Amino acid sequence: MSTQMKVRVLEKGRNLLKLEIENIDPIIFHMMNHHMENEPNVEISGYQIVHPMSNKYVYIIRVRRGTPKKYMIEALEKILKDLKEFKEELMSKVSR
């Protein structure tokens, strides 16, 4: 049984978004950063572990133009596309 994810806004500004996210696999942050690292309007994107014994993380994104939410949504959409392509490739290469 999985524990429900919780998201709390710690700080929100025109070009900054700081979230506390609980019960999430941190690999998602690596995937998001991978898609944002070549985006010239993203100044900072990263996360930190709140405490090694907790499953809480603080994710921060700061942008030059646009909104942090816009770039997070775009990164998540790219991740979903990557996962779909991987699934299709896996299904075509691995026999049942």
C-alpha atoms as a PDB file:
ATOM      1  CA  MET A   1       0.000   0.000   0.000  1.00  0.00           C
ATOM      2  CA  SER A   2       1.462   3.337  -1.007  1.00  0.00           C
ATOM      3  CA  THR A   3       1.282   6.481   1.066  1.00  0.00           C
ATOM      4  CA  GLN A   4      -0.423   9.446  -0.534  1.00  0.00           C
ATOM      5  CA  MET A   5       1.769  12.201  -1.896  1.00  0.00           C
ATOM      6  CA  LYS A   6       1.464  15.588  -0.223  1.00  0.00           C
ATOM      7  CA  VAL A   7       2.546  18.893  -1.747  1.00  0.00           C
ATOM      8  CA  ARG A   8       2.834  22.098   0.223  1.00  0.00           C
ATOM      9  CA  VAL A   9       3.810  25.488  -1.198  1.00  0.00           C
ATOM     10  CA  LEU A  10       6.573  26.991   0.917  1.00  0.00           C
ATOM     11  CA  GLU A  11       7.232  30.034  -1.243  1.00  0.00           C
ATOM     12  CA  LYS A  12       5.629  31.347  -4.402  1.00  0.00           C
ATOM     13  CA  GLY A  13       6.664  34.372  -6.392  1.00  0.00           C
ATOM     14  CA  ARG A  14       6.608  35.599  -9.965  1.00  0.00           C
ATOM     15  CA  ASN A  15       9.767  33.705 -10.868  1.00  0.00           C
ATOM     16  CA  LEU A  16      10.244  31.357  -7.885  1.00  0.00           C
ATOM     17  CA  LEU A  17       8.442  28.294  -6.599  1.00  0.00           C
ATOM     18  CA  LYS A  18       9.525  26.348  -3.536  1.00  0.00           C
ATOM     19  CA  LEU A  19       7.583  23.200  -2.659  1.00  0.00           C
ATOM     20  CA  GLU A  20       7.728  20.638   0.105  1.00  0.00           C
ATOM     21  CA  ILE A  21       6.795  17.264  -1.342  1.00  0.00           C
ATOM     22  CA  GLU A  22       6.231  14.198   0.796  1.00  0.00           C
ATOM     23  CA  ASN A  23       6.000  10.539  -0.233  1.00  0.00           C
ATOM     24  CA  ILE A  24       7.540  10.791  -3.685  1.00  0.00           C
ATOM     25  CA  ASP A  25      10.416   8.912  -5.273  1.00  0.00           C
ATOM     26  CA  PRO A  26      13.207  11.479  -5.740  1.00  0.00           C
ATOM     27  CA  ILE A  27      14.052  10.027  -9.166  1.00  0.00           C
ATOM     28  CA  ILE A  28      11.269  12.266 -10.496  1.00  0.00           C
ATOM     29  CA  PHE A  29      13.372  15.300  -9.519  1.00  0.00           C
ATOM     30  CA  HIS A  30      16.338  13.961 -11.479  1.00  0.00           C
ATOM     31  CA  MET A  31      14.110  13.443 -14.498  1.00  0.00           C
ATOM     32  CA  MET A  32      12.663  16.953 -14.199  1.00  0.00           C
ATOM     33  CA  ASN A  33      16.112  18.498 -13.872  1.00  0.00           C
ATOM     34  CA  HIS A  34      17.285  16.542 -16.916  1.00  0.00           C
ATOM     35  CA  HIS A  35      14.586  18.211 -19.009  1.00  0.00           C
ATOM     36  CA  MET A  36      15.147  21.655 -17.491  1.00  0.00           C
ATOM     37  CA  GLU A  37      18.949  21.761 -17.674  1.00  0.00           C
ATOM     38  CA  ASN A  38      18.954  22.921 -21.303  1.00  0.00           C
ATOM     39  CA  GLU A  39      16.135  25.402 -20.823  1.00  0.00           C
ATOM     40  CA  PRO A  40      17.769  28.866 -20.902  1.00  0.00           C
ATOM     41  CA  ASN A  41      14.972  30.495 -18.897  1.00  0.00           C
ATOM     42  CA  VAL A  42      15.396  28.148 -15.927  1.00  0.00           C
ATOM     43  CA  GLU A  43      18.033  29.586 -13.581  1.00  0.00           C
ATOM     44  CA  ILE A  44      17.790  26.985 -10.814  1.00  0.00           C
ATOM     45  CA  SER A  45      15.998  23.695 -10.408  1.00  0.00           C
ATOM     46  CA  GLY A  46      16.865  21.257  -7.696  1.00  0.00           C
ATOM     47  CA  TYR A  47      15.853  19.546  -4.527  1.00  0.00           C
ATOM     48  CA  GLN A  48      17.074  18.779  -1.070  1.00  0.00           C
ATOM     49  CA  ILE A  49      16.180  16.074   1.409  1.00  0.00           C
ATOM     50  CA  VAL A  50      14.471  17.547   4.475  1.00  0.00           C
ATOM     51  CA  HIS A  51      15.838  14.772   6.708  1.00  0.00           C
ATOM     52  CA  PRO A  52      17.445  11.412   5.836  1.00  0.00           C
ATOM     53  CA  MET A  53      14.852   9.536   7.900  1.00  0.00           C
ATOM     54  CA  SER A  54      11.870  11.256   6.297  1.00  0.00           C
ATOM     55  CA  ASN A  55      10.362  10.990   2.865  1.00  0.00           C
ATOM     56  CA  LYS A  56      10.114  14.782   2.506  1.00  0.00           C
ATOM     57  CA  TYR A  57      11.891  16.881  -0.079  1.00  0.00           C
ATOM     58  CA  VAL A  58      12.057  20.567  -0.887  1.00  0.00           C
ATOM     59  CA  TYR A  59      12.012  21.316  -4.601  1.00  0.00           C
ATOM     60  CA  ILE A  60      12.901  24.773  -5.870  1.00  0.00           C
ATOM     61  CA  ILE A  61      12.753  26.313  -9.311  1.00  0.00           C
ATOM     62  CA  ARG A  62      13.639  29.864 -10.287  1.00  0.00           C
ATOM     63  CA  VAL A  63      13.145  31.175 -13.816  1.00  0.00           C
ATOM     64  CA  ARG A  64      14.176  34.237 -15.814  1.00  0.00           C
ATOM     65  CA  ARG A  65      11.018  34.366 -17.952  1.00  0.00           C
ATOM     66  CA  GLY A  66       7.672  32.657 -17.804  1.00  0.00           C
ATOM     67  CA  THR A  67       6.504  30.960 -14.642  1.00  0.00           C
ATOM     68  CA  PRO A  68       8.014  28.137 -12.613  1.00  0.00           C
ATOM     69  CA  LYS A  69       4.741  26.234 -12.921  1.00  0.00           C
ATOM     70  CA  LYS A  70       4.949  26.397 -16.731  1.00  0.00           C
ATOM     71  CA  TYR A  71       8.414  24.818 -16.800  1.00  0.00           C
ATOM     72  CA  MET A  72       7.491  22.170 -14.236  1.00  0.00           C
ATOM     73  CA  ILE A  73       4.416  21.172 -16.269  1.00  0.00           C
ATOM     74  CA  GLU A  74       6.477  21.052 -19.478  1.00  0.00           C
ATOM     75  CA  ALA A  75       9.104  18.853 -17.795  1.00  0.00           C
ATOM     76  CA  LEU A  76       6.439  16.492 -16.438  1.00  0.00           C
ATOM     77  CA  GLU A  77       4.818  16.236 -19.876  1.00  0.00           C
ATOM     78  CA  LYS A  78       8.214  15.367 -21.400  1.00  0.00           C
ATOM     79  CA  ILE A  79       8.739  12.717 -18.716  1.00  0.00           C
ATOM     80  CA  LEU A  80       5.363  11.164 -19.524  1.00  0.00           C
ATOM     81  CA  LYS A  81       6.288  11.169 -23.228  1.00  0.00           C
ATOM     82  CA  ASP A  82       9.658   9.539 -22.470  1.00  0.00           C
ATOM     83  CA  LEU A  83       7.986   6.854 -20.367  1.00  0.00           C
ATOM     84  CA  LYS A  84       5.407   6.150 -23.062  1.00  0.00           C
ATOM     85  CA  GLU A  85       8.138   5.813 -25.703  1.00  0.00           C
ATOM     86  CA  PHE A  86      10.144   3.534 -23.421  1.00  0.00           C
ATOM     87  CA  LYS A  87       7.098   1.355 -22.771  1.00  0.00           C
ATOM     88  CA  GLU A  88       6.364   1.073 -26.499  1.00  0.00           C
ATOM     89  CA  GLU A  89       9.990   0.222 -27.286  1.00  0.00           C
ATOM     90  CA  LEU A  90      10.108  -2.335 -24.506  1.00  0.00           C
ATOM     91  CA  MET A  91       6.870  -3.953 -25.655  1.00  0.00           C
ATOM     92  CA  SER A  92       8.146  -4.206 -29.231  1.00  0.00           C
ATOM     93  CA  LYS A  93      11.522  -5.691 -28.246  1.00  0.00           C
ATOM     94  CA  VAL A  94      10.607  -8.066 -25.447  1.00  0.00           C
ATOM     95  CA  SER A  95       8.441 -11.017 -26.317  1.00  0.00           C
ATOM     96  CA  ARG A  96       5.773 -12.083 -23.908  1.00  0.00           C
END
